[in-house]
Protein backbone atom coordinates (compact mmCIF):
# COMPACT_ATOMS: atom_id res chain seq x y z
CA MET A 1 122.45 117.33 126.39
CA LYS A 2 119.49 115.05 125.83
CA ALA A 3 117.08 114.17 128.67
CA LYS A 4 113.46 112.98 128.56
CA GLY A 5 113.19 113.84 124.89
CA ILE A 6 114.23 117.47 125.45
CA ILE A 7 117.37 118.74 123.78
CA ASP A 8 119.19 121.66 125.32
CA LYS A 9 121.63 123.44 123.05
CA ILE A 10 125.10 124.06 124.43
CA SER A 11 126.59 127.36 123.35
CA THR A 12 130.01 127.53 121.79
CA ALA A 13 131.33 129.44 124.79
CA VAL A 14 130.23 126.69 127.21
CA LYS A 15 131.77 124.01 124.97
CA LYS A 16 135.05 125.94 124.90
CA GLU A 17 135.01 126.31 128.67
CA ILE A 18 134.37 122.56 129.16
CA ARG A 19 137.15 121.70 126.73
CA GLU A 20 139.62 124.00 128.47
CA LYS A 21 138.78 122.56 131.87
CA TRP A 22 139.15 119.02 130.60
CA MET A 23 142.54 119.80 129.12
CA ASN A 24 143.67 121.23 132.48
CA PHE A 25 142.79 117.98 134.38
CA ASP A 26 145.57 115.64 135.28
CA GLU A 27 145.40 112.01 134.08
CA ASP A 28 144.11 110.72 137.47
CA SER A 29 141.15 113.16 137.37
CA LYS A 30 140.41 112.22 133.77
CA LEU A 31 140.53 108.52 134.66
CA GLU A 32 137.89 109.01 137.33
CA TYR A 33 135.45 110.65 134.83
CA LYS A 34 136.19 107.98 132.18
CA LYS A 35 135.42 105.21 134.70
CA GLU A 36 132.11 106.84 135.60
CA ALA A 37 131.24 107.27 131.91
CA ARG A 38 132.01 103.53 131.26
CA GLU A 39 129.82 102.46 134.19
CA ASN A 40 126.93 104.63 132.90
CA TYR A 41 127.31 103.18 129.40
CA GLU A 42 127.19 99.60 130.68
CA LYS A 43 124.20 100.38 132.88
CA TYR A 44 122.30 101.87 129.90
CA ALA A 45 123.28 98.88 127.73
CA ASN A 46 121.75 96.52 130.26
CA LEU A 47 118.62 98.59 130.61
CA SER A 48 118.11 98.88 126.84
CA HIS A 49 117.44 95.12 126.61
CA ASN A 50 114.40 95.59 128.87
CA ILE A 51 112.99 98.51 126.89
CA PRO A 52 110.02 97.29 124.81
CA HIS A 53 110.53 97.81 121.13
CA LYS A 54 107.67 98.40 118.71
CA SER A 55 107.29 95.28 116.59
CA ARG A 56 107.92 95.83 112.90
CA LYS A 57 104.83 95.76 110.76
CA VAL A 58 105.07 92.88 108.35
CA SER A 59 103.44 93.44 104.98
CA LEU A 60 102.57 90.86 102.39
CA TYR A 61 105.41 89.50 100.23
CA THR A 62 104.82 89.26 96.52
CA ARG A 63 106.78 89.38 93.31
CA CYS A 64 103.93 90.73 91.26
CA ALA A 65 105.94 93.27 89.17
CA PRO A 66 103.94 95.08 86.48
CA ASN A 67 106.75 97.61 85.91
CA ARG A 68 109.07 94.77 84.88
CA VAL A 69 106.61 93.80 82.16
CA ARG A 70 106.28 97.45 81.12
CA LEU A 71 110.01 97.85 80.74
CA MET A 72 110.22 94.63 78.69
CA ALA A 73 107.42 95.84 76.42
CA LEU A 74 109.37 99.05 75.74
CA ASN A 75 112.28 96.84 74.59
CA LEU A 76 110.28 95.08 71.89
CA ASN A 77 110.39 96.01 68.21
CA GLU A 78 107.26 96.66 66.07
CA SER A 79 107.15 93.13 64.68
CA GLN A 80 107.24 91.60 68.16
CA ARG A 81 104.61 93.99 69.47
CA PHE A 82 102.31 93.13 66.50
CA VAL A 83 102.57 89.38 67.28
CA ILE A 84 101.78 89.92 70.97
CA ARG A 85 98.69 91.93 70.11
CA GLU A 86 97.57 89.20 67.68
CA MET A 87 97.86 86.72 70.50
CA GLY A 88 95.47 88.75 72.66
CA PHE A 89 97.98 90.26 75.07
CA GLY A 90 98.01 93.83 73.77
CA SER A 91 97.17 95.18 77.19
CA MET A 92 100.57 93.99 78.43
CA LEU A 93 102.20 96.39 75.98
CA ASP A 94 100.28 99.42 77.25
CA LEU A 95 100.98 99.21 80.98
CA ARG A 96 101.71 102.41 82.87
CA SER A 97 104.24 102.80 85.66
CA ILE A 98 102.45 101.57 88.79
CA GLN A 99 103.35 100.29 92.25
CA LEU A 100 101.56 97.93 94.61
CA ASP A 101 100.81 99.08 98.15
CA ARG A 102 101.79 95.89 99.99
CA ASP A 103 99.98 96.72 103.25
CA PHE A 104 96.81 97.44 101.24
CA CYS A 105 97.32 94.18 99.26
CA LYS A 106 97.56 92.29 102.54
CA TRP A 107 94.26 93.79 103.62
CA LEU A 108 92.70 92.74 100.32
CA VAL A 109 94.03 89.18 100.65
CA ASP A 110 92.69 89.04 104.21
CA HIS A 111 89.26 90.09 102.95
CA PHE A 112 89.32 87.75 99.92
CA ASP A 113 87.14 84.66 100.35
CA HIS A 114 88.89 81.95 98.37
CA ASN A 115 86.05 79.51 98.77
CA SER A 116 83.51 81.72 96.99
CA CYS A 117 86.10 83.79 95.01
CA ALA A 118 84.69 87.08 96.38
CA LEU A 119 85.86 90.23 98.13
CA ASP A 120 84.07 91.22 101.33
CA ILE A 121 83.83 94.99 101.44
CA CYS A 122 81.74 97.40 103.47
CA GLY A 123 79.26 94.68 104.46
CA ARG A 124 78.91 93.42 100.92
CA ARG A 125 80.31 90.39 99.17
CA LEU A 126 81.49 91.29 95.71
CA PRO A 127 81.91 88.11 93.58
CA ILE A 128 84.85 88.02 91.19
CA SER A 129 84.20 86.37 87.86
CA THR A 130 86.34 85.67 84.83
CA LYS A 131 84.63 88.64 83.16
CA ASP A 132 85.94 90.92 85.90
CA VAL A 133 89.47 89.69 85.23
CA GLU A 134 89.06 90.28 81.51
CA PHE A 135 87.56 93.73 82.17
CA ILE A 136 90.61 94.78 84.20
CA LEU A 137 93.53 92.85 82.65
CA GLY A 138 92.36 92.72 79.05
CA ILE A 139 93.11 89.06 78.39
CA LYS A 140 90.83 86.32 76.97
CA SER A 141 88.16 84.88 79.28
CA SER A 142 86.79 82.22 76.93
CA GLY A 143 88.09 79.22 75.06
CA VAL A 144 89.95 76.08 75.97
CA ASP A 145 91.51 75.83 79.47
CA VAL A 146 95.29 76.32 79.59
CA SER A 147 96.99 73.03 80.32
CA THR A 148 100.05 73.08 82.58
CA VAL A 149 100.21 69.25 82.79
CA ALA A 150 103.03 67.39 81.13
CA GLY A 151 105.40 64.54 81.99
CA ALA A 152 108.78 65.26 83.49
CA GLU A 153 110.64 63.89 80.49
CA GLU A 154 108.57 65.98 78.12
CA ILE A 155 109.25 69.17 80.13
CA ASN A 156 112.97 68.36 80.28
CA HIS A 157 113.03 67.91 76.54
CA ILE A 158 111.33 71.32 76.03
CA CYS A 159 113.84 72.97 78.35
CA GLN A 160 116.78 71.45 76.48
CA GLN A 161 115.25 72.46 73.20
CA HIS A 162 114.92 76.10 74.24
CA GLY A 163 118.13 76.41 76.29
CA LEU A 164 116.39 76.53 79.70
CA ASN A 165 117.33 74.82 82.96
CA ALA A 166 117.45 71.04 82.74
CA VAL A 167 116.19 70.71 86.30
CA GLY A 168 114.28 72.85 88.81
CA ASP A 169 112.17 75.97 88.27
CA ILE A 170 113.13 78.52 85.61
CA PRO A 171 114.79 81.80 86.82
CA ILE A 172 112.84 84.78 85.56
CA ASN A 173 116.13 86.57 84.96
CA LEU A 174 117.04 83.83 82.43
CA LEU A 175 113.81 84.46 80.43
CA GLU A 176 114.35 88.21 80.70
CA GLY A 177 117.89 88.00 79.34
CA LYS A 178 116.88 85.77 76.40
CA LEU A 179 113.93 88.08 75.50
CA LYS A 180 116.22 91.17 75.46
CA GLU A 181 118.55 89.46 73.04
CA MET A 182 115.77 88.33 70.67
CA LYS A 183 115.03 90.40 67.57
CA THR A 184 112.74 87.87 65.84
CA SER A 185 109.04 87.41 66.45
CA GLY A 186 108.62 83.65 65.99
CA LYS A 187 107.13 80.99 68.20
CA GLU A 188 110.06 80.90 70.64
CA PHE A 189 109.73 84.67 71.26
CA VAL A 190 105.98 84.38 71.87
CA GLY A 191 106.47 81.45 74.24
CA PHE A 192 109.23 83.15 76.19
CA PHE A 193 107.25 86.42 76.45
CA LEU A 194 104.15 84.66 77.77
CA LEU A 195 106.24 82.72 80.29
CA PHE A 196 107.83 85.99 81.43
CA VAL A 197 104.43 87.74 81.78
CA LEU A 198 103.06 84.78 83.75
CA GLY A 199 106.04 84.75 86.05
CA THR A 200 106.18 88.46 86.76
CA LEU A 201 102.57 89.63 86.64
CA LEU A 202 99.73 87.20 85.91
CA CYS A 203 100.83 84.17 87.90
CA PRO A 204 103.81 85.18 90.04
CA THR A 205 105.11 83.37 93.12
CA PRO A 206 107.12 84.91 95.98
CA LYS A 207 110.24 83.33 94.44
CA PRO A 208 112.25 84.71 91.48
CA TYR A 209 111.32 81.68 89.38
CA ILE A 210 108.49 80.60 87.15
CA LYS A 211 106.89 77.29 88.00
CA ARG A 212 108.39 74.52 85.96
CA SER A 213 104.94 73.13 85.11
CA PHE A 214 104.26 76.32 83.05
CA ILE A 215 106.86 75.15 80.57
CA SER A 216 104.26 72.79 79.17
CA ILE A 217 102.40 75.77 77.57
CA LEU A 218 105.23 75.91 74.99
CA LEU A 219 103.72 72.75 73.48
CA ASN A 220 100.69 74.72 72.26
CA ILE A 221 102.06 78.09 71.10
CA ASP A 222 99.86 78.01 67.99
CA GLU A 223 96.78 77.79 70.21
CA PHE A 224 97.69 80.70 72.55
CA LYS A 225 95.02 83.04 71.14
CA ASN A 226 92.31 80.43 71.59
CA LEU A 227 93.05 79.67 75.25
CA ASN A 228 91.23 80.93 78.38
CA TRP A 229 94.09 82.74 80.12
CA VAL A 230 91.76 84.50 82.57
CA LYS A 231 90.71 81.20 84.16
CA LEU A 232 94.36 80.28 84.67
CA VAL A 233 95.05 83.67 86.38
CA LEU A 234 91.96 83.57 88.63
CA ASP A 235 92.48 79.90 89.66
CA PHE A 236 96.14 80.56 90.41
CA LEU A 237 95.24 83.56 92.58
CA THR A 238 92.48 81.70 94.44
CA ARG A 239 94.76 78.69 95.17
CA GLY A 240 97.55 81.07 96.20
CA VAL A 241 95.34 82.83 98.77
CA ARG A 242 94.07 79.50 100.10
CA LYS A 243 97.61 78.26 100.69
CA TYR A 244 98.61 81.61 102.20
CA LYS A 245 95.83 81.42 104.79
CA GLU A 246 95.80 77.72 105.53
CA LYS A 247 99.56 77.36 105.79
CA ASN A 248 100.25 80.76 107.40
CA ARG A 249 102.68 81.83 104.67
CA VAL A 250 104.31 85.23 104.42
CA GLY A 251 104.18 85.35 100.61
CA VAL A 252 101.23 84.70 98.33
CA ASN A 253 100.94 83.45 94.74
CA GLY A 254 98.85 85.30 92.22
CA CYS A 255 98.13 88.62 90.54
CA LEU A 256 97.62 91.04 93.42
CA LEU A 257 97.58 93.93 90.93
CA PHE A 258 94.25 92.65 89.72
CA LEU A 259 92.89 92.44 93.25
CA MET A 260 93.96 96.02 93.94
CA LEU A 261 92.46 97.42 90.73
CA PHE A 262 89.23 95.42 91.26
CA TYR A 263 88.82 97.22 94.58
CA PHE A 264 89.59 100.60 93.02
CA GLU A 265 87.05 100.03 90.27
CA HIS A 266 84.26 99.04 92.63
CA VAL A 267 84.93 101.13 95.76
CA ASN A 268 85.27 104.89 95.85
CA VAL A 269 84.95 107.91 98.09
CA GLU A 270 82.82 109.92 95.66
CA THR A 271 79.24 109.44 94.40
CA ASN A 272 77.71 109.87 90.94
CA LEU A 273 80.59 108.12 89.23
CA GLU A 274 80.42 106.57 85.82
CA HIS A 275 79.07 102.99 86.12
CA VAL A 276 81.78 100.33 86.14
CA SER A 277 80.42 98.60 83.00
CA ASN A 278 80.56 101.87 81.01
CA ARG A 279 84.25 102.54 81.63
CA LEU A 280 86.90 102.06 78.94
CA GLN A 281 88.77 98.75 79.06
CA PRO A 282 91.07 97.18 79.84
CA ARG A 283 91.23 99.12 83.13
CA ILE A 284 94.83 98.10 83.77
CA CYS A 285 95.94 100.58 81.09
CA TYR A 286 94.18 103.53 82.86
CA TRP A 287 95.78 103.12 86.29
CA GLY A 288 99.22 104.51 86.96
CA LYS A 289 101.28 105.60 89.94
CA LYS A 290 99.57 108.98 90.07
CA GLU A 291 96.03 107.57 90.10
CA VAL A 292 96.91 104.91 92.68
CA ASN A 293 98.55 107.49 95.00
CA GLN A 294 95.50 109.80 94.74
CA ARG A 295 93.10 106.98 95.56
CA MET A 296 95.21 105.78 98.50
CA LEU A 297 95.31 109.34 99.89
CA LYS A 298 91.52 109.52 99.78
CA LEU A 299 91.17 106.13 101.50
CA HIS A 300 93.68 107.09 104.22
CA SER A 301 91.81 110.39 104.75
CA ILE A 302 88.69 108.36 105.58
CA GLY A 303 90.71 106.09 107.87
CA SER A 304 89.65 102.68 106.67
CA PHE A 305 89.48 100.50 103.58
CA ASP A 306 86.15 99.23 104.88
CA SER A 307 84.54 102.51 106.00
CA PRO A 308 80.77 103.05 105.76
CA LYS A 309 81.57 106.35 104.01
CA LEU A 310 82.76 104.41 100.97
CA VAL A 311 80.59 103.96 97.89
CA VAL A 312 80.41 100.46 96.40
CA THR A 313 79.36 99.93 92.78
CA GLU A 314 78.84 96.54 91.17
CA MET A 315 79.30 95.40 87.62
CA ASP A 316 75.83 93.95 87.23
CA GLY A 317 73.96 94.40 90.52
CA GLY A 318 76.35 92.41 92.75
CA HIS A 319 75.41 90.74 96.00
CA GLU A 320 73.93 92.43 99.03
CA THR A 321 74.87 91.95 102.68
CA LYS A 322 72.32 89.17 103.11
CA ASN A 323 74.55 86.86 101.00
CA ILE A 324 77.39 87.20 103.54
CA PRO A 325 77.40 84.50 106.22
CA LEU A 326 75.55 85.40 109.42
CA GLU A 327 78.68 85.67 111.55
CA LYS A 328 80.14 88.18 109.07
CA GLN A 329 76.88 90.08 108.95
CA ASP A 330 77.05 90.63 112.72
CA ILE A 331 80.59 92.12 112.32
CA ASN A 332 79.73 94.23 109.28
CA GLU A 333 76.18 95.25 110.10
CA SER A 334 77.13 98.83 110.91
CA HIS A 335 79.09 99.02 107.64
CA ALA A 336 76.26 97.86 105.36
CA MET A 337 75.41 100.31 102.63
CA SER A 338 72.16 100.80 100.78
CA SER A 339 72.19 100.58 96.99
CA GLN A 340 72.73 103.72 95.04
CA HIS A 341 69.84 104.63 92.64
CA GLU A 342 69.99 107.89 90.78
CA ASP A 343 66.26 107.79 89.99
CA LYS A 344 65.18 107.24 93.62
CA PRO A 345 63.20 110.41 94.59
CA ASN A 346 63.37 110.14 98.42
CA ILE A 347 66.60 110.04 100.35
CA GLY A 348 66.56 108.17 103.67
CA SER A 349 68.04 109.58 106.85
CA ASP A 350 71.05 107.27 106.68
CA GLU A 351 71.76 108.34 103.11
CA ALA A 352 71.41 112.02 104.02
CA ILE A 353 73.76 111.65 106.95
CA ARG A 354 76.27 109.84 104.71
CA ARG A 355 76.16 112.61 102.12
CA ILE A 356 76.55 115.31 104.81
CA GLU A 357 79.56 113.40 106.20
CA GLN A 358 81.05 113.26 102.72
CA LEU A 359 80.49 116.96 102.26
CA ILE A 360 82.14 117.76 105.62
CA THR A 361 85.06 115.56 104.70
CA SER A 362 85.45 117.28 101.37
CA LEU A 363 85.25 120.76 103.00
CA ARG A 364 87.72 119.74 105.66
CA ASP A 365 90.21 118.56 103.02
CA GLU A 366 89.79 121.83 101.11
CA MET A 367 90.33 123.81 104.31
CA LEU A 368 93.50 121.87 105.03
CA VAL A 369 94.78 122.60 101.54
CA MET A 370 93.92 126.30 101.97
CA GLN A 371 95.52 126.41 105.37
CA LYS A 372 98.68 124.79 104.05
CA THR A 373 98.72 127.29 101.16
CA VAL A 374 98.32 130.28 103.45
CA ILE A 375 101.04 128.99 105.80
CA GLU A 376 103.43 128.43 102.91
CA GLN A 377 102.71 131.90 101.52
CA SER A 378 103.26 133.41 105.02
CA ILE A 379 106.54 131.55 105.42
CA THR A 380 107.65 132.71 101.98
CA SER A 381 106.69 136.33 102.81
CA VAL A 382 108.52 136.22 106.16
CA ARG A 383 111.56 134.65 104.50
CA ASP A 384 111.60 137.39 101.82
CA GLU A 385 111.35 140.11 104.47
CA MET A 386 114.17 138.50 106.42
CA LEU A 387 116.31 138.41 103.32
CA VAL A 388 115.57 142.13 102.75
CA MET A 389 116.40 142.90 106.36
CA GLN A 390 119.59 140.86 106.15
CA LYS A 391 120.63 142.74 103.05
CA THR A 392 119.82 146.07 104.72
CA VAL A 393 121.90 145.13 107.76
CA THR A 394 124.76 144.05 105.52
CA ASP A 395 124.54 147.33 103.57
CA ILE A 396 124.58 149.27 106.87
CA ALA A 397 127.56 147.32 108.09
CA ASN A 398 129.39 147.96 104.82
CA ASN A 399 128.52 151.65 104.99
CA MET A 400 129.75 151.80 108.57
CA ASP A 401 133.05 150.21 107.56
CA SER A 402 133.31 152.70 104.71
CA PHE A 403 132.35 155.60 107.00
CA LYS A 404 134.88 154.45 109.57
CA ASN A 405 137.60 154.25 106.93
CA ASP A 406 136.70 157.78 105.75
CA ILE A 407 136.95 159.08 109.30
CA LEU A 408 140.30 157.42 109.82
CA LEU A 409 141.62 158.85 106.58
CA GLU A 410 140.35 162.28 107.54
CA LEU A 411 141.97 162.04 110.96
CA LYS A 412 145.25 160.95 109.41
CA LYS A 413 145.09 163.79 106.95
CA THR A 414 144.32 166.33 109.73
CA ALA A 415 147.12 164.98 111.87
CA SER A 416 149.55 165.15 108.95
CA GLU A 417 148.57 168.73 108.16
CA HIS A 418 148.94 169.62 111.88
CA ASN A 419 152.37 168.12 112.04
CA GLY A 420 153.40 169.98 108.92
CA HIS A 421 152.14 173.28 110.35
CA SER A 422 154.04 172.64 113.61
CA ASN A 423 157.26 172.07 111.66
CA ASP A 424 156.80 175.32 109.82
CA LEU A 425 156.51 177.22 113.14
CA THR A 426 159.63 175.59 114.38
């Protein structure tokens, strides 16, 4: 029976007794109970509509799928991989298995200022430049702008020429299928691969299609390595966030993986880390599922993605809180962090308190791990002892059965001998 969240176990004997009593009832008695049960069911059904249900948490919708690009890269032959590296997209061949945390990405989008192209974190405004995108994604940030402008007739002609849809956006599945069948490494392969990467990672939309305007890049395949792909990616993300906020959309256009890795590179729980500019690049190749999970666990342990306990590092000095609008300063004033200088001899009281809090947090985490280990070891020890006891009881029971059988045999033997002796006397 279940009442007020408490479950009372019904023993087998009680169940048997209930079943036997029910079977002994006549049909009229059973009908009375069935009627009462139906009334209670209908009463509960009516009440359940008035019970408040916890609203489902809606996370951000995106089709940014780095793992899809990784799997495609694994399908390429050496000749194809060589051509892609020559075009400046070698980082797309070295991706690791990684997943986006959609709730975290929604938080990042909410804190991304599309007007100034900056991320507001911990009372600071971190500007995002094309160099940041190149540092993380490993694609070219200089050269001629990528043109996605072409006439409708020209785009239709390109589509017919390459066996793509005559009208409408291009399904990513179509590009994926054509790439898997290709064994050559010519212009068509390069164009299809770049379109696939744009549609799944660099410039994705919430739909399973690539924007038809991107087909126009197939007109300049020879110029791919001279184009500024970073500007295209950053502009597409900025416009996507603007539309998401202004039009209250559920899905957002753009490379949210970049936004997530940008945060990870500039915000951390620990101090005395290697400076951002000194890290190996492109950073996208050094982040995998394991590293993301570890960082997310640390952030959740602190309790906020915008906690004052977090350490913010900039690429080249960054922007301080004073560059954030006044209304945002009032909100984030308690979260503002002083700059970290290794050569600063004196530590202020705020900095000392912050370090102590970090130390306490670290010690608490270690104690939790130790406590968990001790509990697991205790459970294992108790389980082992229970197994030994169970085996001992089983052995005793077996010995008792054997002993009982020996006694019965002995009694039978004695009785048989006694009967034989009685017959002899007779």
